[in-house]
Amino acid sequence: MPIVTVQVTREGTTVDRSSVSAEEKAAIIKGVSQVLLDVLNKPLESTYVVIEEVDLDNWGWGGLPTVQYRRQRAGAANS
């Protein structure tokens, strides 16, 4: 029985939202489950998908908090 945890930042895909929508979560669950079926032949009914939304302040990469990293990347792209 596979258990897959998907972590995403707690922010919406548009400015007026602050989280992932129920429809987006359903699509993630469906897609991840389908990959496990296709690749490992794991039945859909035996696959669990857990979605964890992480506050943006608790997420970072490149040695920086996410917001700072994104600003840095945006500045580099505009140079």
PDB file of N, CA and C in Angstrom:
ATOM      1  N   MET A   1       0.845  -1.165   0.000  1.00  0.00           N
ATOM      2  CA  MET A   1       0.000   0.000   0.000  1.00  0.00           C
ATOM      3  C   MET A   1       0.900   1.242   0.000  1.00  0.00           C
ATOM      4  N   PRO A   2       0.991   1.944  -1.121  1.00  0.00           N
ATOM      5  CA  PRO A   2       1.795   3.158  -1.159  1.00  0.00           C
ATOM      6  C   PRO A   2       1.103   4.320  -0.453  1.00  0.00           C
ATOM      7  N   ILE A   3       1.919   5.101   0.240  1.00  0.00           N
ATOM      8  CA  ILE A   3       1.467   6.354   0.828  1.00  0.00           C
ATOM      9  C   ILE A   3       2.403   7.432   0.297  1.00  0.00           C
ATOM     10  N   VAL A   4       1.850   8.399  -0.379  1.00  0.00           N
ATOM     11  CA  VAL A   4       2.637   9.467  -0.988  1.00  0.00           C
ATOM     12  C   VAL A   4       2.255  10.786  -0.320  1.00  0.00           C
ATOM     13  N   THR A   5       3.259  11.532   0.117  1.00  0.00           N
ATOM     14  CA  THR A   5       3.020  12.844   0.690  1.00  0.00           C
ATOM     15  C   THR A   5       3.492  13.899  -0.303  1.00  0.00           C
ATOM     16  N   VAL A   6       2.611  14.835  -0.620  1.00  0.00           N
ATOM     17  CA  VAL A   6       2.916  15.931  -1.524  1.00  0.00           C
ATOM     18  C   VAL A   6       2.877  17.209  -0.700  1.00  0.00           C
ATOM     19  N   GLN A   7       3.977  17.932  -0.684  1.00  0.00           N
ATOM     20  CA  GLN A   7       4.020  19.196   0.039  1.00  0.00           C
ATOM     21  C   GLN A   7       3.995  20.335  -0.969  1.00  0.00           C
ATOM     22  N   VAL A   8       3.135  21.294  -0.705  1.00  0.00           N
ATOM     23  CA  VAL A   8       3.028  22.482  -1.547  1.00  0.00           C
ATOM     24  C   VAL A   8       2.994  23.705  -0.635  1.00  0.00           C
ATOM     25  N   THR A   9       3.402  24.849  -1.170  1.00  0.00           N
ATOM     26  CA  THR A   9       3.293  26.060  -0.372  1.00  0.00           C
ATOM     27  C   THR A   9       1.833  26.448  -0.261  1.00  0.00           C
ATOM     28  N   ARG A  10       1.485  27.004   0.893  1.00  0.00           N
ATOM     29  CA  ARG A  10       0.103  27.426   1.132  1.00  0.00           C
ATOM     30  C   ARG A  10      -0.088  28.798   0.490  1.00  0.00           C
ATOM     31  N   GLU A  11      -0.395  28.766  -0.786  1.00  0.00           N
ATOM     32  CA  GLU A  11      -0.680  29.976  -1.538  1.00  0.00           C
ATOM     33  C   GLU A  11      -1.550  29.563  -2.712  1.00  0.00           C
ATOM     34  N   GLY A  12      -2.322  30.452  -3.174  1.00  0.00           N
ATOM     35  CA  GLY A  12      -3.202  30.134  -4.280  1.00  0.00           C
ATOM     36  C   GLY A  12      -2.513  30.312  -5.611  1.00  0.00           C
ATOM     37  N   THR A  13      -3.176  29.871  -6.636  1.00  0.00           N
ATOM     38  CA  THR A  13      -2.636  30.036  -7.977  1.00  0.00           C
ATOM     39  C   THR A  13      -3.034  31.378  -8.574  1.00  0.00           C
ATOM     40  N   THR A  14      -3.866  32.132  -7.849  1.00  0.00           N
ATOM     41  CA  THR A  14      -4.208  33.496  -8.244  1.00  0.00           C
ATOM     42  C   THR A  14      -4.071  34.397  -7.020  1.00  0.00           C
ATOM     43  N   VAL A  15      -3.970  35.682  -7.253  1.00  0.00           N
ATOM     44  CA  VAL A  15      -3.714  36.643  -6.175  1.00  0.00           C
ATOM     45  C   VAL A  15      -4.782  36.648  -5.097  1.00  0.00           C
ATOM     46  N   ASP A  16      -6.016  36.366  -5.459  1.00  0.00           N
ATOM     47  CA  ASP A  16      -7.121  36.438  -4.504  1.00  0.00           C
ATOM     48  C   ASP A  16      -7.278  35.178  -3.646  1.00  0.00           C
ATOM     49  N   ARG A  17      -6.394  34.197  -3.811  1.00  0.00           N
ATOM     50  CA  ARG A  17      -6.508  32.943  -3.050  1.00  0.00           C
ATOM     51  C   ARG A  17      -5.291  32.730  -2.175  1.00  0.00           C
ATOM     52  N   SER A  18      -5.490  32.031  -1.063  1.00  0.00           N
ATOM     53  CA  SER A  18      -4.381  31.781  -0.142  1.00  0.00           C
ATOM     54  C   SER A  18      -4.160  30.293   0.118  1.00  0.00           C
ATOM     55  N   SER A  19      -4.734  29.457  -0.719  1.00  0.00           N
ATOM     56  CA  SER A  19      -4.512  28.020  -0.562  1.00  0.00           C
ATOM     57  C   SER A  19      -4.806  27.309  -1.877  1.00  0.00           C
ATOM     58  N   VAL A  20      -4.463  26.052  -1.907  1.00  0.00           N
ATOM     59  CA  VAL A  20      -4.746  25.206  -3.065  1.00  0.00           C
ATOM     60  C   VAL A  20      -6.227  24.846  -3.008  1.00  0.00           C
ATOM     61  N   SER A  21      -6.905  24.907  -4.137  1.00  0.00           N
ATOM     62  CA  SER A  21      -8.345  24.637  -4.149  1.00  0.00           C
ATOM     63  C   SER A  21      -8.631  23.144  -4.017  1.00  0.00           C
ATOM     64  N   ALA A  22      -9.841  22.827  -3.649  1.00  0.00           N
ATOM     65  CA  ALA A  22     -10.271  21.428  -3.546  1.00  0.00           C
ATOM     66  C   ALA A  22     -10.144  20.730  -4.896  1.00  0.00           C
ATOM     67  N   GLU A  23     -10.432  21.449  -5.973  1.00  0.00           N
ATOM     68  CA  GLU A  23     -10.327  20.870  -7.318  1.00  0.00           C
ATOM     69  C   GLU A  23      -8.871  20.567  -7.660  1.00  0.00           C
ATOM     70  N   GLU A  24      -7.967  21.471  -7.291  1.00  0.00           N
ATOM     71  CA  GLU A  24      -6.544  21.237  -7.547  1.00  0.00           C
ATOM     72  C   GLU A  24      -6.037  20.053  -6.734  1.00  0.00           C
ATOM     73  N   LYS A  25      -6.469  19.959  -5.485  1.00  0.00           N
ATOM     74  CA  LYS A  25      -6.065  18.826  -4.649  1.00  0.00           C
ATOM     75  C   LYS A  25      -6.579  17.511  -5.234  1.00  0.00           C
ATOM     76  N   ALA A  26      -7.808  17.510  -5.707  1.00  0.00           N
ATOM     77  CA  ALA A  26      -8.369  16.304  -6.323  1.00  0.00           C
ATOM     78  C   ALA A  26      -7.556  15.898  -7.546  1.00  0.00           C
ATOM     79  N   ALA A  27      -7.124  16.885  -8.331  1.00  0.00           N
ATOM     80  CA  ALA A  27      -6.323  16.597  -9.526  1.00  0.00           C
ATOM     81  C   ALA A  27      -4.948  16.041  -9.148  1.00  0.00           C
ATOM     82  N   ILE A  28      -4.350  16.568  -8.076  1.00  0.00           N
ATOM     83  CA  ILE A  28      -3.069  16.048  -7.601  1.00  0.00           C
ATOM     84  C   ILE A  28      -3.230  14.596  -7.158  1.00  0.00           C
ATOM     85  N   ILE A  29      -4.266  14.324  -6.372  1.00  0.00           N
ATOM     86  CA  ILE A  29      -4.508  12.960  -5.886  1.00  0.00           C
ATOM     87  C   ILE A  29      -4.715  12.000  -7.053  1.00  0.00           C
ATOM     88  N   LYS A  30      -5.518  12.405  -8.008  1.00  0.00           N
ATOM     89  CA  LYS A  30      -5.786  11.558  -9.175  1.00  0.00           C
ATOM     90  C   LYS A  30      -4.509  11.302  -9.971  1.00  0.00           C
ATOM     91  N   GLY A  31      -3.738  12.370 -10.212  1.00  0.00           N
ATOM     92  CA  GLY A  31      -2.525  12.233 -11.019  1.00  0.00           C
ATOM     93  C   GLY A  31      -1.460  11.377 -10.358  1.00  0.00           C
ATOM     94  N   VAL A  32      -1.223  11.594  -9.068  1.00  0.00           N
ATOM     95  CA  VAL A  32      -0.223  10.811  -8.343  1.00  0.00           C
ATOM     96  C   VAL A  32      -0.643   9.345  -8.288  1.00  0.00           C
ATOM     97  N   SER A  33      -1.895   9.102  -8.022  1.00  0.00           N
ATOM     98  CA  SER A  33      -2.398   7.726  -7.972  1.00  0.00           C
ATOM     99  C   SER A  33      -2.240   7.047  -9.328  1.00  0.00           C
ATOM    100  N   GLN A  34      -2.518   7.774 -10.394  1.00  0.00           N
ATOM    101  CA  GLN A  34      -2.398   7.217 -11.743  1.00  0.00           C
ATOM    102  C   GLN A  34      -0.939   6.877 -12.076  1.00  0.00           C
ATOM    103  N   VAL A  35      -0.007   7.718 -11.654  1.00  0.00           N
ATOM    104  CA  VAL A  35       1.422   7.435 -11.882  1.00  0.00           C
ATOM    105  C   VAL A  35       1.822   6.134 -11.190  1.00  0.00           C
ATOM    106  N   LEU A  36       1.371   5.944  -9.961  1.00  0.00           N
ATOM    107  CA  LEU A  36       1.713   4.710  -9.246  1.00  0.00           C
ATOM    108  C   LEU A  36       1.077   3.487  -9.899  1.00  0.00           C
ATOM    109  N   LEU A  37      -0.104   3.665 -10.452  1.00  0.00           N
ATOM    110  CA  LEU A  37      -0.729   2.567 -11.194  1.00  0.00           C
ATOM    111  C   LEU A  37       0.072   2.260 -12.455  1.00  0.00           C
ATOM    112  N   ASP A  38       0.423   3.295 -13.206  1.00  0.00           N
ATOM    113  CA  ASP A  38       1.134   3.122 -14.476  1.00  0.00           C
ATOM    114  C   ASP A  38       2.552   2.582 -14.297  1.00  0.00           C
ATOM    115  N   VAL A  39       3.257   3.083 -13.287  1.00  0.00           N
ATOM    116  CA  VAL A  39       4.668   2.728 -13.117  1.00  0.00           C
ATOM    117  C   VAL A  39       4.857   1.464 -12.281  1.00  0.00           C
ATOM    118  N   LEU A  40       4.119   1.352 -11.178  1.00  0.00           N
ATOM    119  CA  LEU A  40       4.326   0.246 -10.253  1.00  0.00           C
ATOM    120  C   LEU A  40       3.179  -0.760 -10.219  1.00  0.00           C
ATOM    121  N   ASN A  41       2.157  -0.511 -11.044  1.00  0.00           N
ATOM    122  CA  ASN A  41       0.984  -1.378 -11.082  1.00  0.00           C
ATOM    123  C   ASN A  41       0.281  -1.462  -9.720  1.00  0.00           C
ATOM    124  N   LYS A  42       0.285  -0.336  -9.002  1.00  0.00           N
ATOM    125  CA  LYS A  42      -0.395  -0.279  -7.703  1.00  0.00           C
ATOM    126  C   LYS A  42      -1.843   0.149  -7.940  1.00  0.00           C
ATOM    127  N   PRO A  43      -2.805  -0.646  -7.484  1.00  0.00           N
ATOM    128  CA  PRO A  43      -4.210  -0.307  -7.701  1.00  0.00           C
ATOM    129  C   PRO A  43      -4.574   1.039  -7.073  1.00  0.00           C
ATOM    130  N   LEU A  44      -5.448   1.766  -7.737  1.00  0.00           N
ATOM    131  CA  LEU A  44      -5.872   3.073  -7.234  1.00  0.00           C
ATOM    132  C   LEU A  44      -6.425   2.982  -5.819  1.00  0.00           C
ATOM    133  N   GLU A  45      -7.186   1.933  -5.549  1.00  0.00           N
ATOM    134  CA  GLU A  45      -7.832   1.827  -4.235  1.00  0.00           C
ATOM    135  C   GLU A  45      -6.849   1.484  -3.111  1.00  0.00           C
ATOM    136  N   SER A  46      -5.595   1.173  -3.442  1.00  0.00           N
ATOM    137  CA  SER A  46      -4.624   0.887  -2.380  1.00  0.00           C
ATOM    138  C   SER A  46      -3.610   2.016  -2.203  1.00  0.00           C
ATOM    139  N   THR A  47      -3.780   3.101  -2.937  1.00  0.00           N
ATOM    140  CA  THR A  47      -2.839   4.216  -2.873  1.00  0.00           C
ATOM    141  C   THR A  47      -3.426   5.365  -2.065  1.00  0.00           C
ATOM    142  N   TYR A  48      -2.656   5.822  -1.090  1.00  0.00           N
ATOM    143  CA  TYR A  48      -3.045   6.978  -0.282  1.00  0.00           C
ATOM    144  C   TYR A  48      -2.179   8.160  -0.675  1.00  0.00           C
ATOM    145  N   VAL A  49      -2.791   9.308  -0.852  1.00  0.00           N
ATOM    146  CA  VAL A  49      -2.068  10.535  -1.160  1.00  0.00           C
ATOM    147  C   VAL A  49      -2.408  11.556  -0.080  1.00  0.00           C
ATOM    148  N   VAL A  50      -1.374  12.099   0.552  1.00  0.00           N
ATOM    149  CA  VAL A  50      -1.536  13.105   1.587  1.00  0.00           C
ATOM    150  C   VAL A  50      -0.979  14.416   1.043  1.00  0.00           C
ATOM    151  N   ILE A  51      -1.773  15.469   1.099  1.00  0.00           N
ATOM    152  CA  ILE A  51      -1.321  16.780   0.647  1.00  0.00           C
ATOM    153  C   ILE A  51      -1.120  17.653   1.874  1.00  0.00           C
ATOM    154  N   GLU A  52       0.082  18.164   2.011  1.00  0.00           N
ATOM    155  CA  GLU A  52       0.414  19.053   3.115  1.00  0.00           C
ATOM    156  C   GLU A  52       0.668  20.442   2.540  1.00  0.00           C
ATOM    157  N   GLU A  53      -0.089  21.420   3.017  1.00  0.00           N
ATOM    158  CA  GLU A  53       0.154  22.798   2.624  1.00  0.00           C
ATOM    159  C   GLU A  53       1.047  23.447   3.678  1.00  0.00           C
ATOM    160  N   VAL A  54       2.167  23.970   3.240  1.00  0.00           N
ATOM    161  CA  VAL A  54       3.158  24.558   4.130  1.00  0.00           C
ATOM    162  C   VAL A  54       3.102  26.073   3.983  1.00  0.00           C
ATOM    163  N   ASP A  55       3.023  26.788   5.114  1.00  0.00           N
ATOM    164  CA  ASP A  55       3.043  28.247   5.058  1.00  0.00           C
ATOM    165  C   ASP A  55       4.288  28.711   4.325  1.00  0.00           C
ATOM    166  N   LEU A  56       4.151  29.739   3.525  1.00  0.00           N
ATOM    167  CA  LEU A  56       5.252  30.249   2.722  1.00  0.00           C
ATOM    168  C   LEU A  56       6.447  30.628   3.590  1.00  0.00           C
ATOM    169  N   ASP A  57       6.198  31.116   4.800  1.00  0.00           N
ATOM    170  CA  ASP A  57       7.290  31.473   5.713  1.00  0.00           C
ATOM    171  C   ASP A  57       8.100  30.258   6.152  1.00  0.00           C
ATOM    172  N   ASN A  58       7.545  29.064   6.022  1.00  0.00           N
ATOM    173  CA  ASN A  58       8.210  27.833   6.457  1.00  0.00           C
ATOM    174  C   ASN A  58       8.833  27.067   5.294  1.00  0.00           C
ATOM    175  N   TRP A  59       9.044  27.734   4.177  1.00  0.00           N
ATOM    176  CA  TRP A  59       9.538  27.073   2.984  1.00  0.00           C
ATOM    177  C   TRP A  59      10.664  27.910   2.410  1.00  0.00           C
ATOM    178  N   GLY A  60      11.715  27.277   1.976  1.00  0.00           N
ATOM    179  CA  GLY A  60      12.802  28.018   1.356  1.00  0.00           C
ATOM    180  C   GLY A  60      13.686  27.104   0.528  1.00  0.00           C
ATOM    181  N   TRP A  61      14.471  27.704  -0.314  1.00  0.00           N
ATOM    182  CA  TRP A  61      15.473  26.957  -1.058  1.00  0.00           C
ATOM    183  C   TRP A  61      16.538  27.920  -1.534  1.00  0.00           C
ATOM    184  N   GLY A  62      17.658  27.365  -1.977  1.00  0.00           N
ATOM    185  CA  GLY A  62      18.760  28.219  -2.385  1.00  0.00           C
ATOM    186  C   GLY A  62      19.335  29.009  -1.224  1.00  0.00           C
ATOM    187  N   GLY A  63      19.119  28.531   0.013  1.00  0.00           N
ATOM    188  CA  GLY A  63      19.633  29.202   1.187  1.00  0.00           C
ATOM    189  C   GLY A  63      18.822  30.409   1.631  1.00  0.00           C
ATOM    190  N   LEU A  64      17.646  30.593   1.033  1.00  0.00           N
ATOM    191  CA  LEU A  64      16.830  31.763   1.332  1.00  0.00           C
ATOM    192  C   LEU A  64      15.382  31.369   1.589  1.00  0.00           C
ATOM    193  N   PRO A  65      14.657  32.184   2.378  1.00  0.00           N
ATOM    194  CA  PRO A  65      13.209  31.982   2.451  1.00  0.00           C
ATOM    195  C   PRO A  65      12.607  32.163   1.053  1.00  0.00           C
ATOM    196  N   THR A  66      11.521  31.497   0.801  1.00  0.00           N
ATOM    197  CA  THR A  66      10.911  31.475  -0.531  1.00  0.00           C
ATOM    198  C   THR A  66      10.690  32.865  -1.121  1.00  0.00           C
ATOM    199  N   VAL A  67      10.121  33.772  -0.354  1.00  0.00           N
ATOM    200  CA  VAL A  67       9.814  35.104  -0.887  1.00  0.00           C
ATOM    201  C   VAL A  67      11.093  35.807  -1.337  1.00  0.00           C
ATOM    202  N   GLN A  68      12.157  35.716  -0.532  1.00  0.00           N
ATOM    203  CA  GLN A  68      13.422  36.339  -0.911  1.00  0.00           C
ATOM    204  C   GLN A  68      14.017  35.674  -2.138  1.00  0.00           C
ATOM    205  N   TYR A  69      13.957  34.355  -2.198  1.00  0.00           N
ATOM    206  CA  TYR A  69      14.489  33.623  -3.348  1.00  0.00           C
ATOM    207  C   TYR A  69      13.766  34.028  -4.629  1.00  0.00           C
ATOM    208  N   ARG A  70      12.439  34.129  -4.559  1.00  0.00           N
ATOM    209  CA  ARG A  70      11.667  34.523  -5.734  1.00  0.00           C
ATOM    210  C   ARG A  70      12.012  35.945  -6.181  1.00  0.00           C
ATOM    211  N   ARG A  71      12.187  36.849  -5.205  1.00  0.00           N
ATOM    212  CA  ARG A  71      12.575  38.225  -5.552  1.00  0.00           C
ATOM    213  C   ARG A  71      13.933  38.237  -6.244  1.00  0.00           C
ATOM    214  N   GLN A  72      14.864  37.453  -5.706  1.00  0.00           N
ATOM    215  CA  GLN A  72      16.199  37.374  -6.288  1.00  0.00           C
ATOM    216  C   GLN A  72      16.138  36.848  -7.718  1.00  0.00           C
ATOM    217  N   ARG A  73      15.361  35.797  -7.932  1.00  0.00           N
ATOM    218  CA  ARG A  73      15.218  35.228  -9.279  1.00  0.00           C
ATOM    219  C   ARG A  73      14.558  36.196 -10.232  1.00  0.00           C
ATOM    220  N   ALA A  74      13.542  36.908  -9.739  1.00  0.00           N
ATOM    221  CA  ALA A  74      12.842  37.891 -10.581  1.00  0.00           C
ATOM    222  C   ALA A  74      13.810  39.014 -10.969  1.00  0.00           C
ATOM    223  N   GLY A  75      14.636  39.456 -10.018  1.00  0.00           N
ATOM    224  CA  GLY A  75      15.602  40.503 -10.316  1.00  0.00           C
ATOM    225  C   GLY A  75      16.622  40.059 -11.331  1.00  0.00           C
ATOM    226  N   ALA A  76      17.067  38.805 -11.234  1.00  0.00           N
ATOM    227  CA  ALA A  76      18.029  38.262 -12.196  1.00  0.00           C
ATOM    228  C   ALA A  76      17.406  38.135 -13.581  1.00  0.00           C
ATOM    229  N   ALA A  77      16.141  37.762 -13.634  1.00  0.00           N
ATOM    230  CA  ALA A  77      15.456  37.611 -14.926  1.00  0.00           C
ATOM    231  C   ALA A  77      15.233  38.965 -15.601  1.00  0.00           C
ATOM    232  N   ASN A  78      15.069  40.007 -14.801  1.00  0.00           N
ATOM    233  CA  ASN A  78      14.826  41.335 -15.354  1.00  0.00           C
ATOM    234  C   ASN A  78      16.111  42.077 -15.694  1.00  0.00           C
ATOM    235  N   SER A  79      17.259  41.500 -15.348  1.00  0.00           N
ATOM    236  CA  SER A  79      18.530  42.162 -15.626  1.00  0.00           C
ATOM    237  C   SER A  79      19.011  41.944 -17.035  1.00  0.00           C
TER     238      SER A  79
END
